[in-house]
C-alpha atoms as a PDB file:
ATOM      1  CA  MET A   1      22.342  -2.643  -0.133  1.00  0.00           C
ATOM      2  CA  PRO A   2      20.072  -5.294   1.473  1.00  0.00           C
ATOM      3  CA  ASP A   3      18.117  -4.070   4.480  1.00  0.00           C
ATOM      4  CA  GLY A   4      18.078  -7.448   6.275  1.00  0.00           C
ATOM      5  CA  GLN A   5      14.285  -7.622   6.255  1.00  0.00           C
ATOM      6  CA  GLY A   6      11.998  -9.863   4.257  1.00  0.00           C
ATOM      7  CA  PRO A   7       9.137  -8.644   2.021  1.00  0.00           C
ATOM      8  CA  ALA A   8       6.482  -9.137   4.727  1.00  0.00           C
ATOM      9  CA  GLU A   9       8.320  -6.933   7.216  1.00  0.00           C
ATOM     10  CA  ARG A  10       8.961  -4.292   4.549  1.00  0.00           C
ATOM     11  CA  GLN A  11       5.216  -4.363   3.693  1.00  0.00           C
ATOM     12  CA  ARG A  12       4.290  -3.783   7.338  1.00  0.00           C
ATOM     13  CA  ARG A  13       6.877  -1.004   7.709  1.00  0.00           C
ATOM     14  CA  THR A  14       5.643   0.767   4.587  1.00  0.00           C
ATOM     15  CA  ARG A  15       2.025   0.392   5.713  1.00  0.00           C
ATOM     16  CA  ARG A  16       2.880   2.020   9.085  1.00  0.00           C
ATOM     17  CA  ALA A  17       4.617   4.906   7.290  1.00  0.00           C
ATOM     18  CA  ASN A  18       1.608   5.342   4.996  1.00  0.00           C
ATOM     19  CA  GLU A  19      -0.738   5.338   8.015  1.00  0.00           C
ATOM     20  CA  GLN A  20       1.273   8.088   9.657  1.00  0.00           C
ATOM     21  CA  ARG A  21       1.303  10.115   6.440  1.00  0.00           C
ATOM     22  CA  ALA A  22      -2.421   9.570   5.823  1.00  0.00           C
ATOM     23  CA  TYR A  23      -3.332  10.539   9.388  1.00  0.00           C
ATOM     24  CA  THR A  24      -2.143  14.051   8.560  1.00  0.00           C
ATOM     25  CA  LEU A  25      -3.595  14.122   5.037  1.00  0.00           C
ATOM     26  CA  LEU A  26      -7.029  12.822   6.041  1.00  0.00           C
ATOM     27  CA  GLY A  27      -7.473  15.994   8.071  1.00  0.00           C
ATOM     28  CA  THR A  28      -7.279  18.068   4.860  1.00  0.00           C
ATOM     29  CA  LYS A  29      -9.837  18.551   2.112  1.00  0.00           C
ATOM     30  CA  GLU A  30      -7.779  16.722  -0.501  1.00  0.00           C
ATOM     31  CA  ALA A  31      -9.802  14.171  -2.505  1.00  0.00           C
ATOM     32  CA  SER A  32      -6.903  11.735  -2.771  1.00  0.00           C
ATOM     33  CA  LEU A  33      -3.768  10.660  -0.949  1.00  0.00           C
ATOM     34  CA  SER A  34      -0.277   9.905  -2.189  1.00  0.00           C
ATOM     35  CA  VAL A  35       1.056   6.760  -0.524  1.00  0.00           C
ATOM     36  CA  SER A  36       3.999   4.457  -1.052  1.00  0.00           C
ATOM     37  CA  CYS A  37       3.501   1.089  -2.754  1.00  0.00           C
ATOM     38  CA  GLU A  38       3.220  -1.579  -0.087  1.00  0.00           C
ATOM     39  CA  CYS A  39       4.606  -4.417  -2.242  1.00  0.00           C
ATOM     40  CA  GLY A  40       7.517  -5.181   0.078  1.00  0.00           C
ATOM     41  CA  ARG A  41      10.138  -5.003  -2.645  1.00  0.00           C
ATOM     42  CA  GLU A  42      13.391  -3.696  -1.256  1.00  0.00           C
ATOM     43  CA  ALA A  43      14.041  -1.067  -3.940  1.00  0.00           C
ATOM     44  CA  CYS A  44      10.434  -0.018  -4.645  1.00  0.00           C
ATOM     45  CA  SER A  45       9.880   3.750  -4.595  1.00  0.00           C
ATOM     46  CA  VAL A  46       6.533   3.894  -6.436  1.00  0.00           C
ATOM     47  CA  GLU A  47       4.018   6.434  -5.146  1.00  0.00           C
ATOM     48  CA  LEU A  48       0.314   5.631  -5.607  1.00  0.00           C
ATOM     49  CA  THR A  49      -2.542   8.112  -5.754  1.00  0.00           C
ATOM     50  CA  VAL A  50      -5.477   6.648  -3.832  1.00  0.00           C
ATOM     51  CA  SER A  51      -8.908   8.089  -3.093  1.00  0.00           C
ATOM     52  CA  ARG A  52      -9.699   8.746   0.532  1.00  0.00           C
ATOM     53  CA  THR A  53     -12.524   6.186   0.349  1.00  0.00           C
ATOM     54  CA  ALA A  54     -10.305   3.461  -1.128  1.00  0.00           C
ATOM     55  CA  TYR A  55      -7.609   4.164   1.458  1.00  0.00           C
ATOM     56  CA  ARG A  56     -10.088   3.886   4.362  1.00  0.00           C
ATOM     57  CA  ASN A  57     -11.547   0.654   2.912  1.00  0.00           C
ATOM     58  CA  VAL A  58      -8.095  -0.932   2.659  1.00  0.00           C
ATOM     59  CA  ARG A  59      -7.216   0.014   6.243  1.00  0.00           C
ATOM     60  CA  ARG A  60     -10.345  -1.665   7.550  1.00  0.00           C
ATOM     61  CA  GLN A  61      -8.821  -4.993   6.488  1.00  0.00           C
ATOM     62  CA  PRO A  62      -5.454  -5.594   8.221  1.00  0.00           C
ATOM     63  CA  GLU A  63      -4.421  -8.197   5.629  1.00  0.00           C
ATOM     64  CA  TRP A  64      -4.988  -5.848   2.626  1.00  0.00           C
ATOM     65  CA  PHE A  65      -2.188  -3.838   1.012  1.00  0.00           C
ATOM     66  CA  LEU A  66      -1.974  -1.195  -1.723  1.00  0.00           C
ATOM     67  CA  VAL A  67       0.422  -2.127  -4.528  1.00  0.00           C
ATOM     68  CA  GLN A  68       1.361  -1.041  -8.024  1.00  0.00           C
ATOM     69  CA  ASP A  69       0.074  -3.369 -10.726  1.00  0.00           C
ATOM     70  CA  GLY A  70       2.838  -5.868 -11.417  1.00  0.00           C
ATOM     71  CA  HIS A  71       4.251  -5.621  -7.902  1.00  0.00           C
ATOM     72  CA  GLN A  72       1.971  -8.278  -6.417  1.00  0.00           C
ATOM     73  CA  HIS A  73       3.337 -11.641  -5.275  1.00  0.00           C
ATOM     74  CA  PRO A  74       0.896 -14.207  -6.744  1.00  0.00           C
ATOM     75  CA  ASP A  75       2.415 -17.039  -4.693  1.00  0.00           C
ATOM     76  CA  VAL A  76       1.414 -15.404  -1.381  1.00  0.00           C
ATOM     77  CA  GLN A  77      -1.057 -12.656  -2.295  1.00  0.00           C
ATOM     78  CA  ARG A  78      -4.522 -12.584  -3.840  1.00  0.00           C
ATOM     79  CA  VAL A  79      -5.766  -9.544  -5.778  1.00  0.00           C
ATOM     80  CA  VAL A  80      -9.039  -8.490  -4.162  1.00  0.00           C
ATOM     81  CA  HIS A  81      -9.667  -5.237  -6.079  1.00  0.00           C
ATOM     82  CA  LEU A  82      -8.324  -3.806  -9.304  1.00  0.00           C
ATOM     83  CA  HIS A  83      -8.192  -0.030  -9.729  1.00  0.00           C
ATOM     84  CA  ASP A  84      -6.924   1.944 -12.696  1.00  0.00           C
ATOM     85  CA  ASP A  85      -3.716   2.989 -10.929  1.00  0.00           C
ATOM     86  CA  PHE A  86      -3.161   0.329  -8.238  1.00  0.00           C
ATOM     87  CA  LEU A  87      -4.247  -3.033  -6.873  1.00  0.00           C
ATOM     88  CA  ILE A  88      -5.459  -4.092  -3.447  1.00  0.00           C
ATOM     89  CA  VAL A  89      -3.966  -7.419  -2.453  1.00  0.00           C
ATOM     90  CA  GLU A  90      -4.661  -9.744   0.441  1.00  0.00           C
ATOM     91  CA  VAL A  91      -1.875 -11.563   2.210  1.00  0.00           C
END
């Protein structure tokens, strides 16, 4: 069922949820975090494993998002970093 929101709003909503989840996880000794793909696709349920360092670097740039390879939108996003398990895109 459509959620009535566009991809950009879904990206922002997913990012906020990831930030809340990461706030708790960054206080642990875990080397990596599990976060939701921030592609903005309505039915996306992909979980990404991201190092703490990569996560912090992405969050320093408000226009950067973590996405599964193949979930980027080339017409509105630019890939800024390629990782083995995910991409960092800029909107």
